Amino acid sequence: MRPGNLVLALFAFGAPLAAQDTPPATPDSTKSDSGSIALAREVFAYEGGGRDPFISLLRSGDVRPLIADLKLVTVVYDGVYPARSVAVLRDVITSKRYRVKTGDIVGRLKITQIRPREVVFTVQEFGYERQQTLQLARQEETP
């Protein structure tokens, strides 16, 4: 064998033998007592106020009730202290009843004002607010 080939053979076979003598370096935090590697998973928990943005609106129930699905059943109006007035709403689809006061929130609807024959809502949609009124049905008088 020629001297040039001998040096080449030493580099080719010597390097892997030297690498096999020392075990690979692993951080202690990923190695458990049994010798297997444990994975650490990062977990996110939403701690903010209001609705969790990672939960679907269709499953959470925040969309319901819609203003079109509500019917104003009764208004108990206090003329001296209007803040004590109470309104009863009924969801015509689920037949669920809501007893609300001024400032209460039902889904995306906030009760802004209760008047003798109507309730004023503030509807929050897509970052905008609009007001909508729901009135008691007129009863026909018989002569």
Protein backbone atom coordinates (compact mmCIF):
# COMPACT_ATOMS: atom_id res chain seq x y z
CA MET A 1 0.00 0.00 0.00
CA ARG A 2 1.28 3.43 -0.84
CA PRO A 3 1.71 6.04 1.89
CA GLY A 4 -0.95 8.32 0.40
CA ASN A 5 -3.50 5.51 0.42
CA LEU A 6 -2.57 4.63 4.02
CA VAL A 7 -3.32 8.16 5.23
CA LEU A 8 -6.58 8.14 3.31
CA ALA A 9 -7.55 4.78 4.86
CA LEU A 10 -6.80 6.07 8.36
CA PHE A 11 -9.02 9.09 7.86
CA ALA A 12 -11.79 6.98 6.34
CA PHE A 13 -11.82 4.28 9.04
CA GLY A 14 -10.39 6.12 12.03
CA ALA A 15 -13.00 8.83 12.32
CA PRO A 16 -16.02 6.51 12.70
CA LEU A 17 -14.18 4.39 15.28
CA ALA A 18 -13.37 7.47 17.35
CA ALA A 19 -16.99 8.65 17.16
CA GLN A 20 -18.29 5.28 18.36
CA ASP A 21 -16.19 5.39 21.52
CA THR A 22 -18.03 8.41 22.96
CA PRO A 23 -21.82 8.36 23.44
CA PRO A 24 -23.79 11.19 21.82
CA ALA A 25 -24.44 14.18 24.06
CA THR A 26 -28.08 14.59 25.12
CA PRO A 27 -29.47 17.23 27.44
CA ASP A 28 -30.49 15.92 30.86
CA SER A 29 -33.92 17.61 30.66
CA THR A 30 -35.12 15.37 27.81
CA LYS A 31 -33.79 12.12 29.27
CA SER A 32 -35.87 10.26 31.82
CA ASP A 33 -34.62 7.82 34.48
CA SER A 34 -35.33 4.77 32.34
CA GLY A 35 -33.06 6.04 29.56
CA SER A 36 -35.78 6.88 27.03
CA ILE A 37 -36.29 10.36 25.70
CA ALA A 38 -39.35 12.23 27.02
CA LEU A 39 -40.96 15.00 25.00
CA ALA A 40 -42.17 18.18 26.64
CA ARG A 41 -45.28 19.67 24.99
CA GLU A 42 -46.08 23.35 25.17
CA VAL A 43 -49.69 23.99 26.29
CA PHE A 44 -51.70 27.17 25.73
CA ALA A 45 -54.50 28.21 28.07
CA TYR A 46 -56.67 31.22 27.24
CA GLU A 47 -57.05 33.41 30.32
CA GLY A 48 -58.51 36.55 28.75
CA GLY A 49 -61.88 38.07 29.39
CA GLY A 50 -64.94 37.46 27.30
CA ARG A 51 -65.39 34.70 24.76
CA ASP A 52 -62.57 32.25 24.04
CA PRO A 53 -61.57 32.94 20.41
CA PHE A 54 -60.50 29.32 19.85
CA ILE A 55 -63.97 27.86 20.44
CA SER A 56 -66.39 27.75 17.52
CA LEU A 57 -69.36 30.09 17.78
CA LEU A 58 -71.64 27.42 16.39
CA ARG A 59 -70.93 25.05 19.29
CA SER A 60 -70.60 27.58 22.11
CA GLY A 61 -74.13 29.01 21.88
CA ASP A 62 -72.92 32.63 21.78
CA VAL A 63 -74.78 33.17 18.50
CA ARG A 64 -78.15 32.28 20.00
CA PRO A 65 -80.64 33.79 20.47
CA LEU A 66 -80.98 35.99 17.43
CA ILE A 67 -83.17 39.07 17.64
CA ALA A 68 -85.46 37.58 14.97
CA ASP A 69 -86.03 34.50 17.16
CA LEU A 70 -87.13 36.48 20.22
CA LYS A 71 -90.67 37.52 21.08
CA LEU A 72 -91.42 40.11 23.75
CA VAL A 73 -94.00 38.52 26.03
CA THR A 74 -94.34 40.91 28.99
CA VAL A 75 -92.97 44.23 30.22
CA VAL A 76 -93.24 45.17 33.88
CA TYR A 77 -92.39 48.85 33.74
CA ASP A 78 -91.61 50.93 36.83
CA GLY A 79 -92.24 54.59 35.99
CA VAL A 80 -90.63 55.88 39.21
CA TYR A 81 -87.44 53.79 38.94
CA PRO A 82 -87.03 52.69 35.28
CA ALA A 83 -83.87 50.73 36.16
CA ARG A 84 -86.07 48.27 38.11
CA SER A 85 -88.18 47.44 35.05
CA VAL A 86 -88.25 43.81 33.90
CA ALA A 87 -89.03 42.28 30.51
CA VAL A 88 -89.80 38.66 29.65
CA LEU A 89 -88.59 37.37 26.29
CA ARG A 90 -89.27 33.98 24.69
CA ASP A 91 -87.14 32.23 22.09
CA VAL A 92 -89.71 30.95 19.58
CA ILE A 93 -87.40 28.15 18.36
CA THR A 94 -86.24 26.64 21.67
CA SER A 95 -89.14 27.95 23.84
CA LYS A 96 -86.60 29.20 26.37
CA ARG A 97 -87.67 32.20 28.45
CA TYR A 98 -85.40 35.08 29.44
CA ARG A 99 -86.23 37.48 32.27
CA VAL A 100 -84.05 40.54 31.63
CA LYS A 101 -83.29 43.92 33.14
CA THR A 102 -81.42 46.90 31.75
CA GLY A 103 -77.75 46.00 31.27
CA ASP A 104 -78.28 42.22 30.98
CA ILE A 105 -76.58 40.37 28.11
CA VAL A 106 -78.25 37.51 26.24
CA GLY A 107 -75.90 36.02 23.62
CA ARG A 108 -74.72 38.99 21.58
CA LEU A 109 -77.66 41.14 22.65
CA LYS A 110 -77.36 43.72 25.42
CA ILE A 111 -80.54 45.18 26.89
CA THR A 112 -80.02 48.93 26.70
CA GLN A 113 -83.42 50.24 27.70
CA ILE A 114 -86.81 48.95 28.80
CA ARG A 115 -89.78 51.13 27.89
CA PRO A 116 -93.49 50.60 28.71
CA ARG A 117 -94.22 48.60 25.49
CA GLU A 118 -90.77 47.85 24.03
CA VAL A 119 -87.21 46.77 24.74
CA VAL A 120 -84.17 48.37 23.09
CA PHE A 121 -81.21 46.05 22.37
CA THR A 122 -77.62 46.83 21.41
CA VAL A 123 -76.49 44.14 18.97
CA GLN A 124 -72.73 43.51 18.72
CA GLU A 125 -71.72 42.05 15.35
CA PHE A 126 -68.31 42.00 13.70
CA GLY A 127 -66.94 44.75 15.94
CA TYR A 128 -69.86 47.13 15.29
CA GLU A 129 -72.82 47.96 17.48
CA ARG A 130 -76.34 48.76 16.33
CA GLN A 131 -79.58 49.29 18.20
CA GLN A 132 -82.73 47.36 17.52
CA THR A 133 -86.15 47.51 19.19
CA LEU A 134 -88.52 44.69 20.00
CA GLN A 135 -92.13 45.69 20.68
CA LEU A 136 -95.08 44.01 22.36
CA ALA A 137 -97.67 42.66 19.95
CA ARG A 138 -100.75 44.87 19.72
CA GLN A 139 -103.89 43.29 21.12
CA GLU A 140 -107.02 43.95 19.18
CA GLU A 141 -109.93 45.32 21.13
CA THR A 142 -113.36 43.87 20.57
CA PRO A 143 -116.31 46.32 20.74
